[in-house]
Amino acid sequence: MNVNYMNFSRSHHPKIKITLFGSESTGKTTLAEQLASHFHTIWTPEYARIYQEKHNRLLTYRDVTPIAKGQIKLEQYYLSQTKKLLICDTDILETKVYSEAYYGKCPDWIVETIPGCYADLYLFMNIDLPWIPDGIRDRPNDREEMHALFQKELESRGLPFFLLSGNMEDRFIHALEYIEELKL
């Protein structure tokens, strides 16, 4: 798939994009699957997880660019496959937050590309679920700090978001309410 990352833009399609956003171990993947099933649509997985499982090593700053490019490719592919609604487990804005948290910087091209990749709605996952290790997650003691970084990113950009808290059933119910407000 040939992708022009700098020219990827939400204006190229009339579809609605919902992104689950936030720290590790907050239920993003589970909720993405549930929402896609409920709305009879598809969801975009988190490319960073696919990438890390494939490489099976500690990631470095050099991995940020291939992860961001992979996330964009997945999103473009799944957008082409859905009729109206796409649920995203994450997006490159989350890649930026993690890059800055782990490495203190983010490639300029990612920062420049992000505005063209915004979701129509961000469902911001609270950290009130238990942290569960899975071999990739590595920040059980930094949850509050990471959560604050994600919230700051959404707020500083003025992006539309709702905080989802509680157990997975509560998160699902509230996510449905917020998504239905978009008048699908």
N, C-alpha and C. Protein backbone atom coordinates (compact mmCIF):
# COMPACT_ATOMS: atom_id res chain seq x y z
N MET A 1 0.85 -1.17 0.00
CA MET A 1 0.00 0.00 0.00
C MET A 1 0.90 1.24 0.00
N ASN A 2 0.67 2.12 -0.92
CA ASN A 2 1.47 3.34 -1.02
C ASN A 2 0.74 4.47 -0.30
N VAL A 3 1.37 5.03 0.71
CA VAL A 3 0.72 6.04 1.54
C VAL A 3 1.54 7.33 1.54
N ASN A 4 0.88 8.43 1.31
CA ASN A 4 1.52 9.74 1.45
C ASN A 4 1.14 10.25 2.84
N TYR A 5 2.04 10.10 3.80
CA TYR A 5 1.73 10.41 5.19
C TYR A 5 1.44 11.87 5.42
N MET A 6 2.15 12.74 4.74
CA MET A 6 1.96 14.17 4.97
C MET A 6 0.63 14.68 4.42
N ASN A 7 0.05 13.97 3.46
CA ASN A 7 -1.20 14.44 2.86
C ASN A 7 -2.41 13.63 3.31
N PHE A 8 -2.24 12.77 4.30
CA PHE A 8 -3.37 12.02 4.81
C PHE A 8 -4.29 13.00 5.51
N SER A 9 -5.54 13.03 5.11
CA SER A 9 -6.43 14.03 5.66
C SER A 9 -7.82 13.45 5.87
N ARG A 10 -8.45 13.86 6.96
CA ARG A 10 -9.82 13.43 7.24
C ARG A 10 -10.78 13.96 6.19
N SER A 11 -10.42 15.01 5.52
CA SER A 11 -11.34 15.60 4.54
C SER A 11 -11.49 14.72 3.30
N HIS A 12 -10.68 13.69 3.19
CA HIS A 12 -10.75 12.82 2.02
C HIS A 12 -11.88 11.81 2.09
N HIS A 13 -12.58 11.76 3.19
CA HIS A 13 -13.68 10.80 3.31
C HIS A 13 -14.77 11.35 4.21
N PRO A 14 -16.01 10.94 4.00
CA PRO A 14 -17.12 11.43 4.81
C PRO A 14 -17.45 10.51 5.99
N LYS A 15 -16.56 9.61 6.32
CA LYS A 15 -16.84 8.61 7.35
C LYS A 15 -16.54 9.16 8.74
N ILE A 16 -17.20 8.57 9.72
CA ILE A 16 -17.01 8.98 11.10
C ILE A 16 -15.94 8.09 11.74
N LYS A 17 -15.02 8.75 12.40
CA LYS A 17 -13.92 8.04 13.06
C LYS A 17 -14.00 8.30 14.56
N ILE A 18 -14.08 7.21 15.34
CA ILE A 18 -14.08 7.27 16.80
C ILE A 18 -12.76 6.64 17.26
N THR A 19 -12.01 7.35 18.08
CA THR A 19 -10.75 6.81 18.57
C THR A 19 -10.80 6.62 20.08
N LEU A 20 -10.41 5.42 20.51
CA LEU A 20 -10.25 5.14 21.93
C LEU A 20 -8.85 5.59 22.30
N PHE A 21 -8.75 6.35 23.36
CA PHE A 21 -7.53 7.09 23.64
C PHE A 21 -7.17 6.97 25.11
N GLY A 22 -5.87 6.79 25.38
CA GLY A 22 -5.43 6.79 26.76
C GLY A 22 -4.36 5.77 27.05
N SER A 23 -4.06 5.65 28.31
CA SER A 23 -2.97 4.82 28.80
C SER A 23 -3.21 3.34 28.56
N GLU A 24 -2.13 2.59 28.76
CA GLU A 24 -2.20 1.14 28.64
C GLU A 24 -3.10 0.55 29.72
N SER A 25 -3.67 -0.59 29.40
CA SER A 25 -4.49 -1.37 30.34
C SER A 25 -5.71 -0.60 30.84
N THR A 26 -6.40 0.06 29.89
CA THR A 26 -7.63 0.78 30.24
C THR A 26 -8.84 0.25 29.47
N GLY A 27 -8.66 -0.84 28.73
CA GLY A 27 -9.79 -1.47 28.05
C GLY A 27 -10.05 -0.99 26.63
N LYS A 28 -9.09 -0.34 26.00
CA LYS A 28 -9.31 0.21 24.65
C LYS A 28 -9.63 -0.89 23.64
N THR A 29 -8.85 -1.93 23.62
CA THR A 29 -9.06 -2.99 22.61
C THR A 29 -10.39 -3.69 22.83
N THR A 30 -10.69 -4.03 24.08
CA THR A 30 -11.95 -4.69 24.39
C THR A 30 -13.14 -3.83 23.96
N LEU A 31 -13.07 -2.53 24.29
CA LEU A 31 -14.17 -1.64 23.94
C LEU A 31 -14.26 -1.44 22.43
N ALA A 32 -13.13 -1.35 21.76
CA ALA A 32 -13.15 -1.21 20.30
C ALA A 32 -13.88 -2.40 19.66
N GLU A 33 -13.57 -3.59 20.11
CA GLU A 33 -14.23 -4.80 19.59
C GLU A 33 -15.73 -4.76 19.87
N GLN A 34 -16.11 -4.39 21.09
CA GLN A 34 -17.53 -4.33 21.47
C GLN A 34 -18.29 -3.31 20.63
N LEU A 35 -17.71 -2.12 20.47
CA LEU A 35 -18.39 -1.07 19.72
C LEU A 35 -18.52 -1.44 18.24
N ALA A 36 -17.48 -2.00 17.68
CA ALA A 36 -17.54 -2.41 16.27
C ALA A 36 -18.62 -3.46 16.08
N SER A 37 -18.70 -4.40 16.99
CA SER A 37 -19.74 -5.43 16.89
C SER A 37 -21.13 -4.80 17.01
N HIS A 38 -21.31 -3.91 17.97
CA HIS A 38 -22.61 -3.27 18.18
C HIS A 38 -23.06 -2.48 16.96
N PHE A 39 -22.14 -1.74 16.35
CA PHE A 39 -22.49 -0.89 15.22
C PHE A 39 -22.29 -1.58 13.86
N HIS A 40 -22.02 -2.88 13.89
CA HIS A 40 -21.83 -3.66 12.66
C HIS A 40 -20.81 -3.00 11.73
N THR A 41 -19.68 -2.70 12.31
CA THR A 41 -18.61 -2.07 11.56
C THR A 41 -17.29 -2.76 11.90
N ILE A 42 -16.20 -2.15 11.53
CA ILE A 42 -14.88 -2.72 11.80
C ILE A 42 -14.09 -1.79 12.70
N TRP A 43 -13.01 -2.30 13.23
CA TRP A 43 -12.15 -1.51 14.11
C TRP A 43 -10.71 -1.68 13.69
N THR A 44 -9.93 -0.62 13.93
CA THR A 44 -8.51 -0.60 13.60
C THR A 44 -7.72 -1.00 14.84
N PRO A 45 -6.89 -2.03 14.74
CA PRO A 45 -6.08 -2.42 15.90
C PRO A 45 -4.93 -1.44 16.14
N GLU A 46 -4.28 -1.62 17.25
CA GLU A 46 -3.13 -0.79 17.63
C GLU A 46 -1.87 -1.35 16.95
N TYR A 47 -1.32 -0.59 16.02
CA TYR A 47 -0.16 -1.08 15.28
C TYR A 47 1.08 -1.24 16.16
N ALA A 48 1.24 -0.41 17.19
CA ALA A 48 2.41 -0.53 18.07
C ALA A 48 2.48 -1.91 18.70
N ARG A 49 1.34 -2.47 19.06
CA ARG A 49 1.30 -3.81 19.65
C ARG A 49 1.71 -4.86 18.60
N ILE A 50 1.16 -4.73 17.41
CA ILE A 50 1.51 -5.66 16.32
C ILE A 50 3.02 -5.59 16.06
N TYR A 51 3.53 -4.38 15.99
CA TYR A 51 4.95 -4.15 15.72
C TYR A 51 5.83 -4.75 16.82
N GLN A 52 5.47 -4.50 18.07
CA GLN A 52 6.29 -5.00 19.17
C GLN A 52 6.23 -6.52 19.26
N GLU A 53 5.07 -7.10 19.03
CA GLU A 53 4.97 -8.56 19.04
C GLU A 53 5.81 -9.18 17.92
N LYS A 54 5.85 -8.52 16.77
CA LYS A 54 6.65 -9.00 15.64
C LYS A 54 8.15 -8.92 15.93
N HIS A 55 8.59 -7.83 16.53
CA HIS A 55 10.02 -7.61 16.76
C HIS A 55 10.52 -8.21 18.08
N ASN A 56 9.63 -8.39 19.03
CA ASN A 56 9.94 -9.07 20.29
C ASN A 56 11.22 -8.54 20.95
N ARG A 57 11.28 -7.23 21.11
CA ARG A 57 12.43 -6.60 21.75
C ARG A 57 11.99 -5.27 22.34
N LEU A 58 12.85 -4.68 23.13
CA LEU A 58 12.58 -3.36 23.67
C LEU A 58 12.58 -2.35 22.53
N LEU A 59 11.57 -1.51 22.48
CA LEU A 59 11.49 -0.52 21.41
C LEU A 59 12.38 0.67 21.73
N THR A 60 12.82 1.37 20.66
CA THR A 60 13.64 2.57 20.80
C THR A 60 12.99 3.70 20.01
N TYR A 61 13.59 4.87 20.08
CA TYR A 61 13.09 6.02 19.35
C TYR A 61 13.03 5.74 17.85
N ARG A 62 13.93 4.94 17.33
CA ARG A 62 13.93 4.60 15.89
C ARG A 62 12.67 3.84 15.48
N ASP A 63 11.98 3.25 16.43
CA ASP A 63 10.76 2.50 16.13
C ASP A 63 9.53 3.39 16.02
N VAL A 64 9.61 4.62 16.47
CA VAL A 64 8.44 5.50 16.47
C VAL A 64 7.93 5.74 15.05
N THR A 65 8.82 6.02 14.11
CA THR A 65 8.39 6.29 12.74
C THR A 65 7.72 5.08 12.10
N PRO A 66 8.29 3.87 12.14
CA PRO A 66 7.57 2.75 11.55
C PRO A 66 6.24 2.45 12.24
N ILE A 67 6.17 2.70 13.54
CA ILE A 67 4.90 2.49 14.25
C ILE A 67 3.86 3.49 13.77
N ALA A 68 4.22 4.75 13.68
CA ALA A 68 3.27 5.78 13.22
C ALA A 68 2.83 5.51 11.78
N LYS A 69 3.77 5.15 10.92
CA LYS A 69 3.42 4.85 9.52
C LYS A 69 2.51 3.64 9.45
N GLY A 70 2.80 2.63 10.26
CA GLY A 70 1.94 1.44 10.28
C GLY A 70 0.54 1.76 10.77
N GLN A 71 0.43 2.63 11.78
CA GLN A 71 -0.89 3.01 12.28
C GLN A 71 -1.69 3.75 11.21
N ILE A 72 -1.03 4.65 10.50
CA ILE A 72 -1.71 5.38 9.44
C ILE A 72 -2.15 4.44 8.32
N LYS A 73 -1.29 3.51 7.93
CA LYS A 73 -1.66 2.55 6.88
C LYS A 73 -2.87 1.72 7.29
N LEU A 74 -2.86 1.24 8.54
CA LEU A 74 -4.01 0.47 9.02
C LEU A 74 -5.28 1.30 8.98
N GLU A 75 -5.18 2.54 9.46
CA GLU A 75 -6.36 3.40 9.48
C GLU A 75 -6.88 3.66 8.08
N GLN A 76 -5.98 3.96 7.15
CA GLN A 76 -6.41 4.21 5.77
C GLN A 76 -7.07 2.96 5.17
N TYR A 77 -6.47 1.81 5.43
CA TYR A 77 -7.03 0.57 4.89
C TYR A 77 -8.44 0.34 5.45
N TYR A 78 -8.59 0.43 6.77
CA TYR A 78 -9.89 0.16 7.37
C TYR A 78 -10.91 1.23 7.01
N LEU A 79 -10.49 2.46 6.85
CA LEU A 79 -11.42 3.49 6.38
C LEU A 79 -11.95 3.13 4.99
N SER A 80 -11.10 2.56 4.15
CA SER A 80 -11.55 2.18 2.81
C SER A 80 -12.50 0.98 2.85
N GLN A 81 -12.51 0.25 3.95
CA GLN A 81 -13.32 -0.95 4.05
C GLN A 81 -14.67 -0.75 4.74
N THR A 82 -14.84 0.39 5.39
CA THR A 82 -16.08 0.63 6.11
C THR A 82 -16.97 1.59 5.33
N LYS A 83 -18.26 1.49 5.58
CA LYS A 83 -19.20 2.36 4.87
C LYS A 83 -19.39 3.69 5.58
N LYS A 84 -19.45 3.67 6.91
CA LYS A 84 -19.80 4.91 7.60
C LYS A 84 -18.98 5.18 8.86
N LEU A 85 -18.69 4.15 9.64
CA LEU A 85 -18.11 4.35 10.96
C LEU A 85 -16.88 3.46 11.12
N LEU A 86 -15.81 4.06 11.64
CA LEU A 86 -14.60 3.31 11.97
C LEU A 86 -14.29 3.55 13.45
N ILE A 87 -14.05 2.45 14.16
CA ILE A 87 -13.62 2.50 15.55
C ILE A 87 -12.12 2.23 15.56
N CYS A 88 -11.35 3.11 16.17
CA CYS A 88 -9.89 2.95 16.22
C CYS A 88 -9.44 2.68 17.64
N ASP A 89 -8.66 1.63 17.81
CA ASP A 89 -8.09 1.27 19.11
C ASP A 89 -7.13 2.35 19.58
N THR A 90 -6.55 3.08 18.66
CA THR A 90 -5.60 4.15 18.95
C THR A 90 -5.40 4.97 17.68
N ASP A 91 -4.53 5.96 17.72
CA ASP A 91 -4.15 6.69 16.50
C ASP A 91 -2.77 7.29 16.68
N ILE A 92 -2.30 8.07 15.71
CA ILE A 92 -0.93 8.56 15.81
C ILE A 92 -0.78 9.67 16.86
N LEU A 93 -1.87 10.27 17.30
CA LEU A 93 -1.77 11.22 18.40
C LEU A 93 -1.29 10.49 19.65
N GLU A 94 -1.78 9.28 19.85
CA GLU A 94 -1.33 8.47 20.98
C GLU A 94 0.14 8.08 20.81
N THR A 95 0.55 7.81 19.57
CA THR A 95 1.96 7.51 19.29
C THR A 95 2.83 8.70 19.70
N LYS A 96 2.36 9.90 19.42
CA LYS A 96 3.10 11.11 19.80
C LYS A 96 3.26 11.20 21.32
N VAL A 97 2.18 10.98 22.04
CA VAL A 97 2.23 11.07 23.50
C VAL A 97 3.23 10.06 24.05
N TYR A 98 3.17 8.83 23.57
CA TYR A 98 4.10 7.81 24.05
C TYR A 98 5.54 8.15 23.66
N SER A 99 5.75 8.63 22.45
CA SER A 99 7.10 8.99 22.01
C SER A 99 7.69 10.05 22.92
N GLU A 100 6.92 11.06 23.23
CA GLU A 100 7.42 12.12 24.10
C GLU A 100 7.63 11.63 25.53
N ALA A 101 6.74 10.76 26.01
CA ALA A 101 6.87 10.24 27.37
C ALA A 101 8.09 9.32 27.52
N TYR A 102 8.33 8.50 26.51
CA TYR A 102 9.43 7.53 26.59
C TYR A 102 10.77 8.13 26.16
N TYR A 103 10.76 8.99 25.16
CA TYR A 103 12.02 9.44 24.55
C TYR A 103 12.24 10.96 24.64
N GLY A 104 11.26 11.69 25.13
CA GLY A 104 11.40 13.13 25.28
C GLY A 104 11.26 13.91 23.99
N LYS A 105 10.86 13.25 22.92
CA LYS A 105 10.70 13.91 21.62
C LYS A 105 9.83 13.05 20.72
N CYS A 106 9.41 13.67 19.61
CA CYS A 106 8.60 12.99 18.60
C CYS A 106 9.04 13.53 17.24
N PRO A 107 9.13 12.66 16.23
CA PRO A 107 9.52 13.14 14.90
C PRO A 107 8.59 14.26 14.41
N ASP A 108 9.19 15.28 13.81
CA ASP A 108 8.43 16.44 13.32
C ASP A 108 7.33 16.04 12.35
N TRP A 109 7.59 15.09 11.46
CA TRP A 109 6.59 14.72 10.46
C TRP A 109 5.32 14.18 11.11
N ILE A 110 5.46 13.51 12.26
CA ILE A 110 4.29 12.99 12.97
C ILE A 110 3.47 14.16 13.52
N VAL A 111 4.15 15.09 14.17
CA VAL A 111 3.47 16.26 14.73
C VAL A 111 2.74 17.03 13.62
N GLU A 112 3.37 17.16 12.46
CA GLU A 112 2.76 17.88 11.33
C GLU A 112 1.60 17.11 10.72
N THR A 113 1.62 15.79 10.81
CA THR A 113 0.59 14.94 10.20
C THR A 113 -0.65 14.80 11.08
N ILE A 114 -0.48 14.90 12.37
CA ILE A 114 -1.57 14.65 13.32
C ILE A 114 -2.86 15.42 13.01
N PRO A 115 -2.84 16.72 12.74
CA PRO A 115 -4.11 17.41 12.50
C PRO A 115 -4.95 16.82 11.36
N GLY A 116 -4.33 16.22 10.38
CA GLY A 116 -5.08 15.58 9.30
C GLY A 116 -5.64 14.22 9.67
N CYS A 117 -5.30 13.74 10.86
CA CYS A 117 -5.72 12.41 11.30
C CYS A 117 -6.68 12.43 12.48
N TYR A 118 -7.12 13.61 12.88
CA TYR A 118 -8.00 13.69 14.04
C TYR A 118 -9.25 12.84 13.88
N ALA A 119 -9.72 12.34 15.00
CA ALA A 119 -11.00 11.61 15.03
C ALA A 119 -12.14 12.61 15.18
N ASP A 120 -13.33 12.16 14.86
CA ASP A 120 -14.52 12.97 15.10
C ASP A 120 -14.86 13.01 16.58
N LEU A 121 -14.46 11.95 17.29
CA LEU A 121 -14.71 11.86 18.72
C LEU A 121 -13.65 10.98 19.35
N TYR A 122 -13.13 11.42 20.49
CA TYR A 122 -12.20 10.62 21.27
C TYR A 122 -12.90 10.12 22.53
N LEU A 123 -12.83 8.83 22.76
CA LEU A 123 -13.33 8.26 24.00
C LEU A 123 -12.10 8.03 24.87
N PHE A 124 -11.94 8.88 25.85
CA PHE A 124 -10.75 8.93 26.70
C PHE A 124 -10.94 7.98 27.88
N MET A 125 -10.10 6.98 27.94
CA MET A 125 -10.26 5.90 28.91
C MET A 125 -9.59 6.25 30.24
N ASN A 126 -10.38 6.19 31.29
CA ASN A 126 -9.85 6.47 32.62
C ASN A 126 -8.97 5.31 33.10
N ILE A 127 -8.17 5.56 34.12
CA ILE A 127 -7.24 4.56 34.63
C ILE A 127 -7.79 3.85 35.87
N ASP A 128 -9.12 3.82 36.02
CA ASP A 128 -9.73 3.21 37.19
C ASP A 128 -9.95 1.70 37.07
N LEU A 129 -9.51 1.10 35.97
CA LEU A 129 -9.51 -0.36 35.85
C LEU A 129 -8.17 -0.87 36.37
N PRO A 130 -8.12 -2.10 36.87
CA PRO A 130 -6.84 -2.63 37.34
C PRO A 130 -5.84 -2.75 36.19
N TRP A 131 -4.58 -2.46 36.48
CA TRP A 131 -3.50 -2.63 35.51
C TRP A 131 -3.21 -4.12 35.42
N ILE A 132 -3.21 -4.66 34.20
CA ILE A 132 -2.97 -6.09 33.99
C ILE A 132 -1.75 -6.25 33.11
N PRO A 133 -0.71 -6.94 33.59
CA PRO A 133 0.48 -7.16 32.76
C PRO A 133 0.17 -8.10 31.60
N ASP A 134 0.83 -7.85 30.48
CA ASP A 134 0.61 -8.73 29.33
C ASP A 134 1.90 -9.00 28.53
N GLY A 135 3.04 -8.65 29.11
CA GLY A 135 4.31 -8.85 28.42
C GLY A 135 4.76 -7.66 27.61
N ILE A 136 3.85 -6.73 27.31
CA ILE A 136 4.19 -5.52 26.56
C ILE A 136 4.01 -4.29 27.44
N ARG A 137 2.96 -4.25 28.20
CA ARG A 137 2.70 -3.10 29.08
C ARG A 137 3.84 -2.99 30.10
N ASP A 138 4.24 -1.75 30.37
CA ASP A 138 5.40 -1.59 31.23
C ASP A 138 5.35 -0.40 32.18
N ARG A 139 4.19 0.21 32.36
CA ARG A 139 4.14 1.41 33.21
C ARG A 139 3.05 1.31 34.28
N PRO A 140 3.10 0.28 35.12
CA PRO A 140 2.06 0.18 36.15
C PRO A 140 2.13 1.28 37.20
N ASN A 141 3.30 1.86 37.39
CA ASN A 141 3.48 2.86 38.44
C ASN A 141 3.38 4.29 37.93
N ASP A 142 3.19 4.45 36.63
CA ASP A 142 3.12 5.78 36.03
C ASP A 142 1.74 6.10 35.45
N ARG A 143 0.73 5.43 35.92
CA ARG A 143 -0.59 5.56 35.31
C ARG A 143 -1.14 6.98 35.40
N GLU A 144 -1.03 7.60 36.56
CA GLU A 144 -1.57 8.95 36.73
C GLU A 144 -0.82 9.93 35.83
N GLU A 145 0.50 9.80 35.79
CA GLU A 145 1.31 10.69 34.95
C GLU A 145 0.95 10.52 33.47
N MET A 146 0.84 9.29 33.01
CA MET A 146 0.50 9.04 31.61
C MET A 146 -0.91 9.55 31.30
N HIS A 147 -1.84 9.30 32.19
CA HIS A 147 -3.22 9.76 31.99
C HIS A 147 -3.26 11.28 31.84
N ALA A 148 -2.50 11.97 32.66
CA ALA A 148 -2.45 13.42 32.59
C ALA A 148 -1.86 13.89 31.25
N LEU A 149 -0.86 13.19 30.74
CA LEU A 149 -0.28 13.55 29.44
C LEU A 149 -1.30 13.39 28.32
N PHE A 150 -2.05 12.30 28.36
CA PHE A 150 -3.07 12.08 27.33
C PHE A 150 -4.17 13.14 27.42
N GLN A 151 -4.61 13.45 28.62
CA GLN A 151 -5.65 14.47 28.79
C GLN A 151 -5.16 15.83 28.31
N LYS A 152 -3.94 16.18 28.67
CA LYS A 152 -3.37 17.46 28.25
C LYS A 152 -3.33 17.57 26.73
N GLU A 153 -2.99 16.47 26.05
CA GLU A 153 -2.92 16.48 24.59
C GLU A 153 -4.30 16.75 23.98
N LEU A 154 -5.32 16.10 24.48
CA LEU A 154 -6.68 16.32 23.97
C LEU A 154 -7.13 17.75 24.24
N GLU A 155 -6.92 18.21 25.45
CA GLU A 155 -7.39 19.55 25.82
C GLU A 155 -6.63 20.64 25.09
N SER A 156 -5.32 20.51 24.95
CA SER A 156 -4.53 21.56 24.30
C SER A 156 -4.88 21.69 22.82
N ARG A 157 -5.36 20.63 22.22
CA ARG A 157 -5.74 20.65 20.81
C ARG A 157 -7.23 20.96 20.64
N GLY A 158 -7.97 21.05 21.71
CA GLY A 158 -9.40 21.35 21.62
C GLY A 158 -10.20 20.25 20.96
N LEU A 159 -9.78 19.00 21.16
CA LEU A 159 -10.45 17.87 20.50
C LEU A 159 -11.67 17.43 21.30
N PRO A 160 -12.71 16.96 20.59
CA PRO A 160 -13.92 16.50 21.28
C PRO A 160 -13.67 15.16 21.95
N PHE A 161 -13.88 15.10 23.28
CA PHE A 161 -13.68 13.84 23.97
C PHE A 161 -14.60 13.72 25.17
N PHE A 162 -14.83 12.46 25.55
CA PHE A 162 -15.56 12.13 26.76
C PHE A 162 -14.71 11.15 27.55
N LEU A 163 -14.67 11.33 28.84
CA LEU A 163 -13.95 10.43 29.73
C LEU A 163 -14.84 9.25 30.05
N LEU A 164 -14.33 8.05 29.83
CA LEU A 164 -15.06 6.83 30.17
C LEU A 164 -14.44 6.21 31.41
N SER A 165 -15.26 6.00 32.42
CA SER A 165 -14.81 5.42 33.68
C SER A 165 -15.67 4.24 34.04
N GLY A 166 -15.26 3.54 35.10
CA GLY A 166 -16.03 2.41 35.60
C GLY A 166 -15.63 1.11 34.95
N ASN A 167 -16.44 0.09 35.21
CA ASN A 167 -16.14 -1.23 34.63
C ASN A 167 -16.41 -1.22 33.13
N MET A 168 -16.10 -2.32 32.48
CA MET A 168 -16.24 -2.37 31.02
C MET A 168 -17.69 -2.22 30.57
N GLU A 169 -18.62 -2.70 31.35
CA GLU A 169 -20.03 -2.55 30.99
C GLU A 169 -20.43 -1.07 31.04
N ASP A 170 -20.01 -0.37 32.08
CA ASP A 170 -20.29 1.06 32.19
C ASP A 170 -19.66 1.83 31.03
N ARG A 171 -18.43 1.49 30.70
CA ARG A 171 -17.74 2.17 29.61
C ARG A 171 -18.47 1.95 28.29
N PHE A 172 -18.92 0.74 28.07
CA PHE A 172 -19.64 0.42 26.83
C PHE A 172 -20.94 1.21 26.75
N ILE A 173 -21.71 1.21 27.82
CA ILE A 173 -23.00 1.92 27.83
C ILE A 173 -22.80 3.42 27.56
N HIS A 174 -21.84 4.02 28.24
CA HIS A 174 -21.61 5.46 28.04
C HIS A 174 -21.04 5.75 26.66
N ALA A 175 -20.17 4.88 26.16
CA ALA A 175 -19.63 5.06 24.80
C ALA A 175 -20.76 5.05 23.79
N LEU A 176 -21.72 4.13 23.94
CA LEU A 176 -22.87 4.08 23.03
C LEU A 176 -23.63 5.40 23.06
N GLU A 177 -23.85 5.94 24.24
CA GLU A 177 -24.58 7.20 24.36
C GLU A 177 -23.85 8.32 23.62
N TYR A 178 -22.55 8.41 23.80
CA TYR A 178 -21.79 9.48 23.17
C TYR A 178 -21.75 9.32 21.65
N ILE A 179 -21.58 8.10 21.19
CA ILE A 179 -21.52 7.85 19.75
C ILE A 179 -22.89 8.11 19.10
N GLU A 180 -23.93 7.71 19.76
CA GLU A 180 -25.27 7.92 19.21
C GLU A 180 -25.62 9.39 19.08
N GLU A 181 -24.98 10.25 19.88
CA GLU A 181 -25.18 11.69 19.77
C GLU A 181 -24.66 12.22 18.42
N LEU A 182 -23.80 11.44 17.78
CA LEU A 182 -23.26 11.85 16.47
C LEU A 182 -24.29 11.64 15.35
N LYS A 183 -25.43 11.06 15.67
CA LYS A 183 -26.52 10.84 14.71
C LYS A 183 -26.06 10.01 13.51
N LEU A 184 -25.57 8.81 13.83
CA LEU A 184 -25.14 7.90 12.77
C LEU A 184 -26.34 7.55 11.94
